[in-house]
Amino acid sequence: MQLWTAFLHTGWVGKSVLGILLVFSLASWATIFIIWRRFRRSAAASRRFTAAFRKAKRLAEVQAVTSATTRSSLVGLFKAGYAEIEAQLAHTHGAQTIRSLDSVERSLLRASRIESARLSRYLPLLATTAAATPFIGLFGTVWGIMDSFANIGAMGTTSITAVAPGISEALINTAAGLFAAIPALLAYNHFVQRLRQARGEMEDFTLEFLNLTERNFM
């Protein structure tokens, strides 16, 4: 209730700053939920797909399980590599031998970049929120303190009781900026770590895929 009263007594600049911070906070929390769900679903699907991939002795056996694990980032790599193998086999008139393992590897690398970009989608918004909102809040605070000192000159008094309400209202902007920034910063660092882990898994899968390809088609 006191926060709401303080908000009502702030000037238009303070209200604008708090409104901007509220938008940033809501957007960052929505982004956190979206990215968290994306990583969770991708990790669960990757576990199922990896288990099926490691049991298979031929790539054709793995193709059958991709439809049930489409959320996995590894499925994107598999489809890209498998498509390149099929394209090479089509040009060898049915012979079960591919001409270039390097081409398959390049297809997998391109797919890994695409999947990394998909997993990291909206992640820059969290970095922007963590970096910008403290300064936006600080701007509101500085503006409010300047306004309070202007009131000192207008009233002709140096009593702290005359300016304390204005200063406390101004400091709310700093608190609001930190409230928006801290969760965004923590979530960003967490998701960056998850992204590194996902990239490591994709690198491992690329090596396993090339090994299986070499056994089957070289």
N, C-alpha and C. Protein backbone atom coordinates (compact mmCIF):
# COMPACT_ATOMS: atom_id res chain seq x y z
N MET A 1 0.83 -1.21 0.00
CA MET A 1 0.00 0.00 0.00
C MET A 1 0.87 1.25 0.00
N GLN A 2 1.97 1.26 0.81
CA GLN A 2 2.86 2.40 0.84
C GLN A 2 3.55 2.61 -0.50
N LEU A 3 3.89 1.50 -1.18
CA LEU A 3 4.51 1.62 -2.49
C LEU A 3 3.54 2.24 -3.49
N TRP A 4 2.27 1.84 -3.41
CA TRP A 4 1.27 2.40 -4.32
C TRP A 4 1.06 3.88 -4.05
N THR A 5 1.05 4.26 -2.77
CA THR A 5 0.91 5.68 -2.42
C THR A 5 2.10 6.48 -2.93
N ALA A 6 3.30 5.90 -2.77
CA ALA A 6 4.50 6.58 -3.27
C ALA A 6 4.46 6.73 -4.78
N PHE A 7 3.94 5.69 -5.47
CA PHE A 7 3.83 5.76 -6.93
C PHE A 7 2.88 6.88 -7.35
N LEU A 8 1.76 7.00 -6.65
CA LEU A 8 0.79 8.03 -7.00
C LEU A 8 1.35 9.44 -6.81
N HIS A 9 2.29 9.60 -5.88
CA HIS A 9 2.82 10.93 -5.60
C HIS A 9 4.05 11.27 -6.44
N THR A 10 4.56 10.31 -7.21
CA THR A 10 5.71 10.61 -8.06
C THR A 10 5.27 11.43 -9.27
N GLY A 11 6.23 12.13 -9.84
CA GLY A 11 5.93 12.93 -11.02
C GLY A 11 5.80 12.08 -12.27
N TRP A 12 5.56 12.76 -13.40
CA TRP A 12 5.34 12.02 -14.64
C TRP A 12 6.61 11.29 -15.09
N VAL A 13 7.78 11.86 -14.80
CA VAL A 13 9.03 11.17 -15.17
C VAL A 13 9.18 9.89 -14.36
N GLY A 14 8.93 9.98 -13.05
CA GLY A 14 9.03 8.79 -12.20
C GLY A 14 8.05 7.72 -12.61
N LYS A 15 6.81 8.14 -12.92
CA LYS A 15 5.80 7.16 -13.37
C LYS A 15 6.21 6.52 -14.68
N SER A 16 6.78 7.31 -15.59
CA SER A 16 7.23 6.77 -16.88
C SER A 16 8.35 5.75 -16.69
N VAL A 17 9.29 6.09 -15.81
CA VAL A 17 10.40 5.17 -15.53
C VAL A 17 9.89 3.86 -14.94
N LEU A 18 9.01 3.96 -13.98
CA LEU A 18 8.46 2.75 -13.37
C LEU A 18 7.65 1.94 -14.37
N GLY A 19 6.95 2.63 -15.26
CA GLY A 19 6.20 1.91 -16.30
C GLY A 19 7.13 1.16 -17.24
N ILE A 20 8.23 1.80 -17.63
CA ILE A 20 9.21 1.13 -18.50
C ILE A 20 9.82 -0.08 -17.80
N LEU A 21 10.16 0.10 -16.53
CA LEU A 21 10.74 -1.01 -15.77
C LEU A 21 9.75 -2.15 -15.61
N LEU A 22 8.48 -1.83 -15.45
CA LEU A 22 7.47 -2.87 -15.34
C LEU A 22 7.37 -3.67 -16.63
N VAL A 23 7.42 -2.98 -17.77
CA VAL A 23 7.37 -3.66 -19.07
C VAL A 23 8.58 -4.58 -19.22
N PHE A 24 9.76 -4.07 -18.88
CA PHE A 24 10.98 -4.90 -18.95
C PHE A 24 10.86 -6.12 -18.04
N SER A 25 10.35 -5.92 -16.83
CA SER A 25 10.24 -7.02 -15.88
C SER A 25 9.28 -8.10 -16.38
N LEU A 26 8.11 -7.68 -16.84
CA LEU A 26 7.13 -8.64 -17.35
C LEU A 26 7.67 -9.38 -18.57
N ALA A 27 8.33 -8.65 -19.47
CA ALA A 27 8.89 -9.28 -20.68
C ALA A 27 9.99 -10.28 -20.31
N SER A 28 10.81 -9.92 -19.33
CA SER A 28 11.90 -10.83 -18.95
C SER A 28 11.37 -12.09 -18.28
N TRP A 29 10.34 -11.94 -17.43
CA TRP A 29 9.78 -13.14 -16.80
C TRP A 29 9.10 -14.04 -17.83
N ALA A 30 8.41 -13.45 -18.80
CA ALA A 30 7.82 -14.26 -19.87
C ALA A 30 8.91 -14.96 -20.67
N THR A 31 10.01 -14.26 -20.95
CA THR A 31 11.13 -14.84 -21.68
C THR A 31 11.78 -15.97 -20.90
N ILE A 32 11.93 -15.76 -19.60
CA ILE A 32 12.51 -16.81 -18.75
C ILE A 32 11.68 -18.08 -18.84
N PHE A 33 10.37 -17.94 -18.76
CA PHE A 33 9.50 -19.12 -18.83
C PHE A 33 9.60 -19.81 -20.18
N ILE A 34 9.60 -19.02 -21.25
CA ILE A 34 9.65 -19.59 -22.61
C ILE A 34 10.96 -20.35 -22.82
N ILE A 35 12.09 -19.72 -22.45
CA ILE A 35 13.38 -20.37 -22.67
C ILE A 35 13.55 -21.58 -21.77
N TRP A 36 13.10 -21.47 -20.51
CA TRP A 36 13.18 -22.62 -19.60
C TRP A 36 12.40 -23.80 -20.15
N ARG A 37 11.20 -23.56 -20.66
CA ARG A 37 10.40 -24.65 -21.21
C ARG A 37 11.05 -25.22 -22.46
N ARG A 38 11.65 -24.36 -23.28
CA ARG A 38 12.32 -24.83 -24.50
C ARG A 38 13.49 -25.75 -24.15
N PHE A 39 14.33 -25.34 -23.21
CA PHE A 39 15.46 -26.18 -22.82
C PHE A 39 14.99 -27.49 -22.18
N ARG A 40 13.96 -27.41 -21.35
CA ARG A 40 13.48 -28.62 -20.67
C ARG A 40 12.94 -29.63 -21.68
N ARG A 41 12.14 -29.16 -22.62
CA ARG A 41 11.59 -30.07 -23.64
C ARG A 41 12.68 -30.62 -24.55
N SER A 42 13.64 -29.77 -24.91
CA SER A 42 14.72 -30.22 -25.78
C SER A 42 15.57 -31.26 -25.08
N ALA A 43 15.87 -31.05 -23.79
CA ALA A 43 16.70 -32.00 -23.05
C ALA A 43 16.00 -33.34 -22.90
N ALA A 44 14.70 -33.32 -22.60
CA ALA A 44 13.95 -34.57 -22.46
C ALA A 44 13.90 -35.34 -23.78
N ALA A 45 13.64 -34.61 -24.88
CA ALA A 45 13.60 -35.26 -26.19
C ALA A 45 14.97 -35.76 -26.60
N SER A 46 16.02 -35.03 -26.24
CA SER A 46 17.38 -35.45 -26.60
C SER A 46 17.77 -36.74 -25.89
N ARG A 47 17.35 -36.87 -24.64
CA ARG A 47 17.65 -38.12 -23.92
C ARG A 47 17.00 -39.31 -24.61
N ARG A 48 15.75 -39.17 -25.02
CA ARG A 48 15.07 -40.28 -25.71
C ARG A 48 15.71 -40.56 -27.06
N PHE A 49 16.04 -39.49 -27.79
CA PHE A 49 16.62 -39.67 -29.11
C PHE A 49 18.01 -40.28 -29.01
N THR A 50 18.83 -39.83 -28.07
CA THR A 50 20.18 -40.36 -27.91
C THR A 50 20.15 -41.85 -27.57
N ALA A 51 19.21 -42.23 -26.71
CA ALA A 51 19.09 -43.65 -26.36
C ALA A 51 18.77 -44.48 -27.60
N ALA A 52 17.84 -43.98 -28.42
CA ALA A 52 17.49 -44.71 -29.65
C ALA A 52 18.64 -44.72 -30.64
N PHE A 53 19.35 -43.61 -30.73
CA PHE A 53 20.46 -43.51 -31.68
C PHE A 53 21.58 -44.48 -31.32
N ARG A 54 21.89 -44.60 -30.04
CA ARG A 54 23.00 -45.46 -29.62
C ARG A 54 22.64 -46.93 -29.68
N LYS A 55 21.36 -47.25 -29.67
CA LYS A 55 20.95 -48.64 -29.83
C LYS A 55 20.98 -49.07 -31.29
N ALA A 56 20.80 -48.09 -32.20
CA ALA A 56 20.68 -48.42 -33.62
C ALA A 56 22.03 -48.80 -34.21
N LYS A 57 21.99 -49.71 -35.15
CA LYS A 57 23.19 -50.10 -35.86
C LYS A 57 23.25 -49.47 -37.25
N ARG A 58 22.09 -48.98 -37.70
CA ARG A 58 22.02 -48.30 -38.99
C ARG A 58 21.26 -47.00 -38.84
N LEU A 59 21.63 -46.02 -39.66
CA LEU A 59 20.99 -44.71 -39.58
C LEU A 59 19.51 -44.78 -39.94
N ALA A 60 19.15 -45.70 -40.82
CA ALA A 60 17.75 -45.83 -41.22
C ALA A 60 16.86 -46.20 -40.04
N GLU A 61 17.42 -46.90 -39.08
CA GLU A 61 16.64 -47.27 -37.89
C GLU A 61 16.36 -46.05 -37.02
N VAL A 62 17.26 -45.09 -37.03
CA VAL A 62 17.08 -43.89 -36.23
C VAL A 62 16.03 -42.97 -36.84
N GLN A 63 15.95 -42.97 -38.17
CA GLN A 63 15.01 -42.10 -38.87
C GLN A 63 13.58 -42.32 -38.39
N ALA A 64 13.27 -43.53 -37.98
CA ALA A 64 11.90 -43.85 -37.57
C ALA A 64 11.49 -43.18 -36.26
N VAL A 65 12.46 -42.82 -35.41
CA VAL A 65 12.11 -42.24 -34.10
C VAL A 65 12.18 -40.72 -34.09
N THR A 66 12.58 -40.11 -35.18
CA THR A 66 12.75 -38.66 -35.18
C THR A 66 11.42 -37.92 -35.02
N SER A 67 10.34 -38.49 -35.54
CA SER A 67 9.04 -37.81 -35.46
C SER A 67 8.55 -37.66 -34.03
N ALA A 68 8.97 -38.56 -33.15
CA ALA A 68 8.53 -38.50 -31.75
C ALA A 68 9.44 -37.64 -30.89
N THR A 69 10.54 -37.18 -31.43
CA THR A 69 11.51 -36.40 -30.64
C THR A 69 11.92 -35.12 -31.39
N THR A 70 10.97 -34.50 -32.06
CA THR A 70 11.29 -33.35 -32.91
C THR A 70 11.79 -32.15 -32.11
N ARG A 71 11.48 -32.08 -30.81
CA ARG A 71 11.92 -30.93 -30.01
C ARG A 71 13.41 -31.01 -29.66
N SER A 72 14.02 -32.15 -29.89
CA SER A 72 15.44 -32.30 -29.58
C SER A 72 16.29 -31.55 -30.60
N SER A 73 17.31 -30.84 -30.12
CA SER A 73 18.23 -30.16 -31.03
C SER A 73 19.04 -31.17 -31.83
N LEU A 74 19.21 -32.37 -31.28
CA LEU A 74 19.98 -33.41 -31.98
C LEU A 74 19.25 -33.95 -33.19
N VAL A 75 17.93 -33.89 -33.17
CA VAL A 75 17.15 -34.35 -34.32
C VAL A 75 17.43 -33.48 -35.54
N GLY A 76 17.58 -32.17 -35.32
CA GLY A 76 17.92 -31.28 -36.42
C GLY A 76 19.26 -31.64 -37.05
N LEU A 77 20.23 -32.00 -36.21
CA LEU A 77 21.53 -32.42 -36.73
C LEU A 77 21.40 -33.72 -37.51
N PHE A 78 20.65 -34.67 -36.94
CA PHE A 78 20.51 -35.97 -37.60
C PHE A 78 19.86 -35.81 -38.97
N LYS A 79 18.80 -35.02 -39.03
CA LYS A 79 18.09 -34.85 -40.30
C LYS A 79 18.99 -34.21 -41.35
N ALA A 80 19.79 -33.23 -40.93
CA ALA A 80 20.70 -32.58 -41.88
C ALA A 80 21.75 -33.55 -42.38
N GLY A 81 22.36 -34.31 -41.47
CA GLY A 81 23.36 -35.28 -41.88
C GLY A 81 22.79 -36.40 -42.72
N TYR A 82 21.62 -36.88 -42.34
CA TYR A 82 20.99 -37.97 -43.08
C TYR A 82 20.57 -37.52 -44.48
N ALA A 83 20.09 -36.27 -44.58
CA ALA A 83 19.71 -35.74 -45.90
C ALA A 83 20.92 -35.65 -46.82
N GLU A 84 22.07 -35.25 -46.28
CA GLU A 84 23.29 -35.18 -47.08
C GLU A 84 23.72 -36.58 -47.54
N ILE A 85 23.60 -37.56 -46.66
CA ILE A 85 23.95 -38.94 -47.04
C ILE A 85 23.04 -39.44 -48.15
N GLU A 86 21.73 -39.20 -48.02
CA GLU A 86 20.78 -39.64 -49.05
C GLU A 86 21.06 -38.95 -50.38
N ALA A 87 21.43 -37.66 -50.33
CA ALA A 87 21.75 -36.94 -51.56
C ALA A 87 22.97 -37.54 -52.24
N GLN A 88 23.97 -37.92 -51.47
CA GLN A 88 25.16 -38.53 -52.06
C GLN A 88 24.86 -39.93 -52.60
N LEU A 89 24.03 -40.68 -51.88
CA LEU A 89 23.67 -42.02 -52.36
C LEU A 89 22.87 -41.95 -53.65
N ALA A 90 22.03 -40.91 -53.76
CA ALA A 90 21.22 -40.77 -54.98
C ALA A 90 22.09 -40.51 -56.20
N HIS A 91 23.24 -39.90 -56.00
CA HIS A 91 24.14 -39.60 -57.12
C HIS A 91 25.12 -40.74 -57.41
N THR A 92 25.05 -41.79 -56.61
CA THR A 92 25.92 -42.95 -56.88
C THR A 92 25.11 -44.13 -57.40
N HIS A 93 23.88 -43.83 -57.86
CA HIS A 93 23.02 -44.84 -58.50
C HIS A 93 22.77 -46.05 -57.60
N GLY A 94 22.44 -45.76 -56.36
CA GLY A 94 22.03 -46.85 -55.46
C GLY A 94 23.14 -47.53 -54.71
N ALA A 95 24.38 -47.22 -54.99
CA ALA A 95 25.49 -47.84 -54.27
C ALA A 95 25.51 -47.32 -52.83
N GLN A 96 25.73 -48.23 -51.89
CA GLN A 96 25.70 -47.86 -50.48
C GLN A 96 27.05 -47.31 -50.02
N THR A 97 27.56 -46.34 -50.76
CA THR A 97 28.84 -45.72 -50.44
C THR A 97 28.74 -44.23 -50.71
N ILE A 98 29.17 -43.43 -49.74
CA ILE A 98 29.16 -41.98 -49.94
C ILE A 98 30.53 -41.53 -50.39
N ARG A 99 30.55 -40.39 -51.10
CA ARG A 99 31.80 -39.93 -51.68
C ARG A 99 32.59 -39.02 -50.74
N SER A 100 31.91 -38.30 -49.86
CA SER A 100 32.60 -37.30 -49.04
C SER A 100 32.02 -37.27 -47.62
N LEU A 101 32.83 -37.70 -46.68
CA LEU A 101 32.43 -37.60 -45.28
C LEU A 101 32.53 -36.15 -44.80
N ASP A 102 33.40 -35.37 -45.43
CA ASP A 102 33.54 -33.96 -45.06
C ASP A 102 32.25 -33.19 -45.33
N SER A 103 31.56 -33.53 -46.42
CA SER A 103 30.30 -32.86 -46.73
C SER A 103 29.26 -33.15 -45.67
N VAL A 104 29.24 -34.37 -45.18
CA VAL A 104 28.32 -34.73 -44.10
C VAL A 104 28.66 -33.94 -42.85
N GLU A 105 29.94 -33.81 -42.56
CA GLU A 105 30.36 -33.06 -41.38
C GLU A 105 29.96 -31.59 -41.49
N ARG A 106 30.11 -31.01 -42.69
CA ARG A 106 29.72 -29.62 -42.87
C ARG A 106 28.22 -29.43 -42.69
N SER A 107 27.45 -30.40 -43.14
CA SER A 107 26.00 -30.33 -42.94
C SER A 107 25.65 -30.36 -41.46
N LEU A 108 26.34 -31.19 -40.72
CA LEU A 108 26.10 -31.27 -39.28
C LEU A 108 26.50 -29.97 -38.57
N LEU A 109 27.60 -29.37 -39.01
CA LEU A 109 28.04 -28.11 -38.39
C LEU A 109 27.05 -26.98 -38.67
N ARG A 110 26.54 -26.93 -39.91
CA ARG A 110 25.53 -25.92 -40.24
C ARG A 110 24.28 -26.12 -39.39
N ALA A 111 23.86 -27.36 -39.25
CA ALA A 111 22.68 -27.65 -38.46
C ALA A 111 22.88 -27.31 -36.99
N SER A 112 24.08 -27.54 -36.48
CA SER A 112 24.36 -27.21 -35.06
C SER A 112 24.26 -25.72 -34.82
N ARG A 113 24.70 -24.91 -35.80
CA ARG A 113 24.57 -23.46 -35.65
C ARG A 113 23.10 -23.04 -35.66
N ILE A 114 22.32 -23.68 -36.52
CA ILE A 114 20.89 -23.36 -36.58
C ILE A 114 20.21 -23.73 -35.28
N GLU A 115 20.53 -24.90 -34.74
CA GLU A 115 19.91 -25.35 -33.48
C GLU A 115 20.37 -24.48 -32.31
N SER A 116 21.62 -24.05 -32.31
CA SER A 116 22.09 -23.15 -31.26
C SER A 116 21.35 -21.83 -31.29
N ALA A 117 21.12 -21.32 -32.50
CA ALA A 117 20.37 -20.07 -32.64
C ALA A 117 18.93 -20.25 -32.18
N ARG A 118 18.36 -21.42 -32.46
CA ARG A 118 16.98 -21.68 -32.02
C ARG A 118 16.89 -21.74 -30.50
N LEU A 119 17.83 -22.42 -29.87
CA LEU A 119 17.81 -22.53 -28.42
C LEU A 119 18.05 -21.19 -27.74
N SER A 120 18.86 -20.34 -28.34
CA SER A 120 19.20 -19.05 -27.72
C SER A 120 18.25 -17.92 -28.14
N ARG A 121 17.20 -18.24 -28.84
CA ARG A 121 16.25 -17.21 -29.27
C ARG A 121 15.64 -16.50 -28.05
N TYR A 122 15.57 -15.20 -28.11
CA TYR A 122 15.07 -14.30 -27.04
C TYR A 122 16.05 -14.14 -25.89
N LEU A 123 17.14 -14.88 -25.87
CA LEU A 123 18.09 -14.77 -24.77
C LEU A 123 18.70 -13.36 -24.67
N PRO A 124 18.97 -12.67 -25.79
CA PRO A 124 19.51 -11.31 -25.67
C PRO A 124 18.59 -10.35 -24.91
N LEU A 125 17.29 -10.62 -24.89
CA LEU A 125 16.38 -9.75 -24.13
C LEU A 125 16.72 -9.77 -22.64
N LEU A 126 17.10 -10.93 -22.13
CA LEU A 126 17.48 -11.02 -20.72
C LEU A 126 18.76 -10.24 -20.45
N ALA A 127 19.71 -10.33 -21.37
CA ALA A 127 20.96 -9.58 -21.20
C ALA A 127 20.69 -8.08 -21.24
N THR A 128 19.81 -7.66 -22.15
CA THR A 128 19.46 -6.24 -22.24
C THR A 128 18.77 -5.76 -20.97
N THR A 129 17.86 -6.57 -20.46
CA THR A 129 17.15 -6.21 -19.22
C THR A 129 18.12 -6.09 -18.06
N ALA A 130 19.02 -7.07 -17.93
CA ALA A 130 19.98 -7.05 -16.83
C ALA A 130 20.92 -5.85 -16.91
N ALA A 131 21.27 -5.44 -18.13
CA ALA A 131 22.23 -4.34 -18.29
C ALA A 131 21.57 -2.97 -18.22
N ALA A 132 20.35 -2.85 -18.75
CA ALA A 132 19.74 -1.53 -18.92
C ALA A 132 18.89 -1.07 -17.74
N THR A 133 18.14 -1.99 -17.13
CA THR A 133 17.16 -1.56 -16.12
C THR A 133 17.78 -0.88 -14.89
N PRO A 134 18.96 -1.29 -14.40
CA PRO A 134 19.53 -0.54 -13.26
C PRO A 134 19.79 0.93 -13.60
N PHE A 135 20.22 1.18 -14.84
CA PHE A 135 20.49 2.56 -15.24
C PHE A 135 19.20 3.34 -15.48
N ILE A 136 18.19 2.67 -15.98
CA ILE A 136 16.89 3.33 -16.14
C ILE A 136 16.34 3.72 -14.77
N GLY A 137 16.44 2.79 -13.80
CA GLY A 137 16.01 3.10 -12.45
C GLY A 137 16.83 4.22 -11.83
N LEU A 138 18.14 4.20 -12.09
CA LEU A 138 19.01 5.25 -11.56
C LEU A 138 18.65 6.62 -12.15
N PHE A 139 18.30 6.62 -13.41
CA PHE A 139 17.86 7.88 -14.03
C PHE A 139 16.65 8.44 -13.32
N GLY A 140 15.67 7.56 -13.03
CA GLY A 140 14.48 8.01 -12.31
C GLY A 140 14.81 8.54 -10.93
N THR A 141 15.76 7.88 -10.28
CA THR A 141 16.17 8.32 -8.94
C THR A 141 16.85 9.69 -8.99
N VAL A 142 17.79 9.86 -9.92
CA VAL A 142 18.49 11.14 -10.05
C VAL A 142 17.51 12.26 -10.37
N TRP A 143 16.59 11.97 -11.26
CA TRP A 143 15.59 12.98 -11.62
C TRP A 143 14.75 13.36 -10.40
N GLY A 144 14.35 12.38 -9.62
CA GLY A 144 13.54 12.65 -8.43
C GLY A 144 14.29 13.44 -7.39
N ILE A 145 15.59 13.13 -7.20
CA ILE A 145 16.39 13.87 -6.23
C ILE A 145 16.58 15.32 -6.69
N MET A 146 16.81 15.48 -8.00
CA MET A 146 16.92 16.85 -8.54
C MET A 146 15.64 17.63 -8.29
N ASP A 147 14.51 16.96 -8.47
CA ASP A 147 13.24 17.61 -8.24
C ASP A 147 13.08 17.98 -6.76
N SER A 148 13.55 17.09 -5.88
CA SER A 148 13.46 17.36 -4.44
C SER A 148 14.31 18.58 -4.06
N PHE A 149 15.52 18.70 -4.61
CA PHE A 149 16.37 19.84 -4.32
C PHE A 149 15.78 21.13 -4.91
N ALA A 150 15.09 20.98 -6.04
CA ALA A 150 14.41 22.16 -6.59
C ALA A 150 13.31 22.63 -5.66
N ASN A 151 12.65 21.67 -5.01
CA ASN A 151 11.61 22.04 -4.05
C ASN A 151 12.20 22.73 -2.82
N ILE A 152 13.44 22.35 -2.45
CA ILE A 152 14.11 23.02 -1.32
C ILE A 152 14.28 24.51 -1.62
N GLY A 153 14.72 24.76 -2.85
CA GLY A 153 14.90 26.16 -3.23
C GLY A 153 13.59 26.91 -3.30
N ALA A 154 12.54 26.22 -3.78
CA ALA A 154 11.24 26.89 -3.91
C ALA A 154 10.63 27.19 -2.55
N MET A 155 10.80 26.27 -1.58
CA MET A 155 10.20 26.46 -0.25
C MET A 155 11.09 27.27 0.67
N GLY A 156 12.37 27.42 0.32
CA GLY A 156 13.27 28.20 1.14
C GLY A 156 13.59 27.57 2.47
N THR A 157 13.60 26.24 2.51
CA THR A 157 13.91 25.54 3.76
C THR A 157 14.86 24.39 3.47
N THR A 158 15.70 24.09 4.43
CA THR A 158 16.63 22.96 4.30
C THR A 158 16.22 21.80 5.19
N SER A 159 15.03 21.83 5.69
CA SER A 159 14.55 20.76 6.58
C SER A 159 14.46 19.45 5.81
N ILE A 160 14.99 18.39 6.42
CA ILE A 160 14.96 17.08 5.78
C ILE A 160 13.54 16.56 5.65
N THR A 161 12.69 16.99 6.55
CA THR A 161 11.29 16.53 6.50
C THR A 161 10.57 17.05 5.27
N ALA A 162 11.06 18.13 4.71
CA ALA A 162 10.42 18.70 3.53
C ALA A 162 10.76 17.92 2.26
N VAL A 163 11.93 17.31 2.24
CA VAL A 163 12.37 16.64 1.01
C VAL A 163 12.44 15.12 1.15
N ALA A 164 12.32 14.60 2.38
CA ALA A 164 12.43 13.16 2.58
C ALA A 164 11.41 12.37 1.77
N PRO A 165 10.12 12.81 1.73
CA PRO A 165 9.16 12.04 0.92
C PRO A 165 9.56 11.96 -0.55
N GLY A 166 10.03 13.09 -1.10
CA GLY A 166 10.42 13.10 -2.51
C GLY A 166 11.61 12.20 -2.78
N ILE A 167 12.59 12.22 -1.86
CA ILE A 167 13.78 11.38 -2.04
C ILE A 167 13.42 9.90 -1.92
N SER A 168 12.57 9.55 -0.96
CA SER A 168 12.18 8.14 -0.81
C SER A 168 11.41 7.66 -2.02
N GLU A 169 10.57 8.55 -2.59
CA GLU A 169 9.85 8.18 -3.81
C GLU A 169 10.82 7.98 -4.97
N ALA A 170 11.85 8.82 -5.00
CA ALA A 170 12.83 8.70 -6.09
C ALA A 170 13.61 7.40 -5.98
N LEU A 171 13.95 6.98 -4.76
CA LEU A 171 14.73 5.76 -4.57
C LEU A 171 13.96 4.51 -4.96
N ILE A 172 12.65 4.60 -5.03
CA ILE A 172 11.85 3.47 -5.48
C ILE A 172 12.24 3.06 -6.89
N ASN A 173 12.63 4.05 -7.70
CA ASN A 173 13.05 3.74 -9.07
C ASN A 173 14.29 2.86 -9.10
N THR A 174 15.24 3.15 -8.21
CA THR A 174 16.43 2.31 -8.13
C THR A 174 16.07 0.88 -7.71
N ALA A 175 15.21 0.78 -6.71
CA ALA A 175 14.78 -0.55 -6.25
C ALA A 175 14.06 -1.30 -7.37
N ALA A 176 13.22 -0.60 -8.12
CA ALA A 176 12.48 -1.24 -9.22
C ALA A 176 13.43 -1.70 -10.31
N GLY A 177 14.47 -0.89 -10.57
CA GLY A 177 15.46 -1.28 -11.58
C GLY A 177 16.20 -2.54 -11.18
N LEU A 178 16.58 -2.64 -9.92
CA LEU A 178 17.26 -3.84 -9.44
C LEU A 178 16.32 -5.04 -9.43
N PHE A 179 15.06 -4.81 -9.10
CA PHE A 179 14.07 -5.89 -9.09
C PHE A 179 13.90 -6.49 -10.48
N ALA A 180 14.00 -5.66 -11.51
CA ALA A 180 13.90 -6.16 -12.88
C ALA A 180 15.20 -6.80 -13.35
N ALA A 181 16.34 -6.25 -12.87
CA ALA A 181 17.64 -6.69 -13.41
C ALA A 181 18.13 -8.00 -12.81
N ILE A 182 17.96 -8.17 -11.50
CA ILE A 182 18.57 -9.33 -10.84
C ILE A 182 18.03 -10.66 -11.35
N PRO A 183 16.70 -10.86 -11.44
CA PRO A 183 16.22 -12.14 -11.99
C PRO A 183 16.67 -12.36 -13.43
N ALA A 184 16.69 -11.28 -14.23
CA ALA A 184 17.11 -11.42 -15.63
C ALA A 184 18.58 -11.83 -15.71
N LEU A 185 19.42 -11.25 -14.85
CA LEU A 185 20.84 -11.59 -14.85
C LEU A 185 21.08 -13.04 -14.44
N LEU A 186 20.41 -13.46 -13.37
CA LEU A 186 20.57 -14.84 -12.91
C LEU A 186 20.09 -15.84 -13.96
N ALA A 187 18.94 -15.54 -14.56
CA ALA A 187 18.39 -16.43 -15.58
C ALA A 187 19.29 -16.47 -16.82
N TYR A 188 19.82 -15.31 -17.21
CA TYR A 188 20.70 -15.26 -18.38
C TYR A 188 21.93 -16.13 -18.17
N ASN A 189 22.58 -15.99 -17.02
CA ASN A 189 23.77 -16.80 -16.75
C ASN A 189 23.44 -18.30 -16.73
N HIS A 190 22.27 -18.64 -16.17
CA HIS A 190 21.86 -20.04 -16.13
C HIS A 190 21.64 -20.59 -17.54
N PHE A 191 20.94 -19.82 -18.37
CA PHE A 191 20.63 -20.30 -19.72
C PHE A 191 21.87 -20.33 -20.61
N VAL A 192 22.80 -19.42 -20.39
CA VAL A 192 24.06 -19.47 -21.14
C VAL A 192 24.81 -20.76 -20.83
N GLN A 193 24.79 -21.16 -19.56
CA GLN A 193 25.42 -22.42 -19.18
C GLN A 193 24.70 -23.60 -19.82
N ARG A 194 23.36 -23.55 -19.82
CA ARG A 194 22.59 -24.62 -20.47
C ARG A 194 22.90 -24.67 -21.97
N LEU A 195 23.08 -23.52 -22.58
CA LEU A 195 23.39 -23.47 -24.01
C LEU A 195 24.76 -24.08 -24.28
N ARG A 196 25.73 -23.80 -23.41
CA ARG A 196 27.06 -24.42 -23.57
C ARG A 196 26.95 -25.94 -23.48
N GLN A 197 26.16 -26.43 -22.54
CA GLN A 197 25.97 -27.87 -22.40
C GLN A 197 25.33 -28.45 -23.66
N ALA A 198 24.33 -27.75 -24.19
CA ALA A 198 23.66 -28.23 -25.40
C ALA A 198 24.62 -28.26 -26.58
N ARG A 199 25.47 -27.25 -26.70
CA ARG A 199 26.45 -27.25 -27.78
C ARG A 199 27.44 -28.39 -27.62
N GLY A 200 27.83 -28.68 -26.37
CA GLY A 200 28.71 -29.82 -26.14
C GLY A 200 28.06 -31.13 -26.55
N GLU A 201 26.77 -31.28 -26.25
CA GLU A 201 26.05 -32.48 -26.65
C GLU A 201 25.98 -32.58 -28.17
N MET A 202 25.80 -31.46 -28.84
CA MET A 202 25.74 -31.48 -30.30
C MET A 202 27.09 -31.86 -30.90
N GLU A 203 28.17 -31.36 -30.29
CA GLU A 203 29.50 -31.74 -30.77
C GLU A 203 29.74 -33.24 -30.59
N ASP A 204 29.33 -33.77 -29.45
CA ASP A 204 29.48 -35.21 -29.21
C ASP A 204 28.64 -36.02 -30.20
N PHE A 205 27.42 -35.54 -30.44
CA PHE A 205 26.54 -36.26 -31.37
C PHE A 205 27.12 -36.22 -32.78
N THR A 206 27.71 -35.10 -33.16
CA THR A 206 28.33 -35.00 -34.49
C THR A 206 29.40 -36.06 -34.66
N LEU A 207 30.22 -36.25 -33.65
CA LEU A 207 31.27 -37.27 -33.74
C LEU A 207 30.68 -38.68 -33.82
N GLU A 208 29.64 -38.94 -33.02
CA GLU A 208 29.01 -40.26 -33.05
C GLU A 208 28.35 -40.51 -34.40
N PHE A 209 27.71 -39.48 -34.96
CA PHE A 209 27.05 -39.63 -36.26
C PHE A 209 28.07 -39.92 -37.35
N LEU A 210 29.20 -39.21 -37.32
CA LEU A 210 30.23 -39.45 -38.33
C LEU A 210 30.83 -40.85 -38.20
N ASN A 211 30.99 -41.31 -36.97
CA ASN A 211 31.50 -42.68 -36.77
C ASN A 211 30.55 -43.71 -37.34
N LEU A 212 29.24 -43.54 -37.05
CA LEU A 212 28.26 -44.49 -37.57
C LEU A 212 28.17 -44.41 -39.09
N THR A 213 28.28 -43.21 -39.63
CA THR A 213 28.27 -43.05 -41.09
C THR A 213 29.46 -43.74 -41.73
N GLU A 214 30.60 -43.58 -41.12
CA GLU A 214 31.81 -44.20 -41.66
C GLU A 214 31.71 -45.73 -41.64
N ARG A 215 31.10 -46.28 -40.59
CA ARG A 215 30.94 -47.73 -40.51
C ARG A 215 29.96 -48.27 -41.54
N ASN A 216 28.94 -47.45 -41.86
CA ASN A 216 27.89 -47.93 -42.75
C ASN A 216 28.09 -47.62 -44.21
N PHE A 217 28.80 -46.49 -44.52
CA PHE A 217 28.81 -46.04 -45.90
C PHE A 217 30.21 -45.78 -46.46
N MET A 218 31.26 -46.12 -45.74
CA MET A 218 32.59 -45.88 -46.28
C MET A 218 33.30 -47.20 -46.59
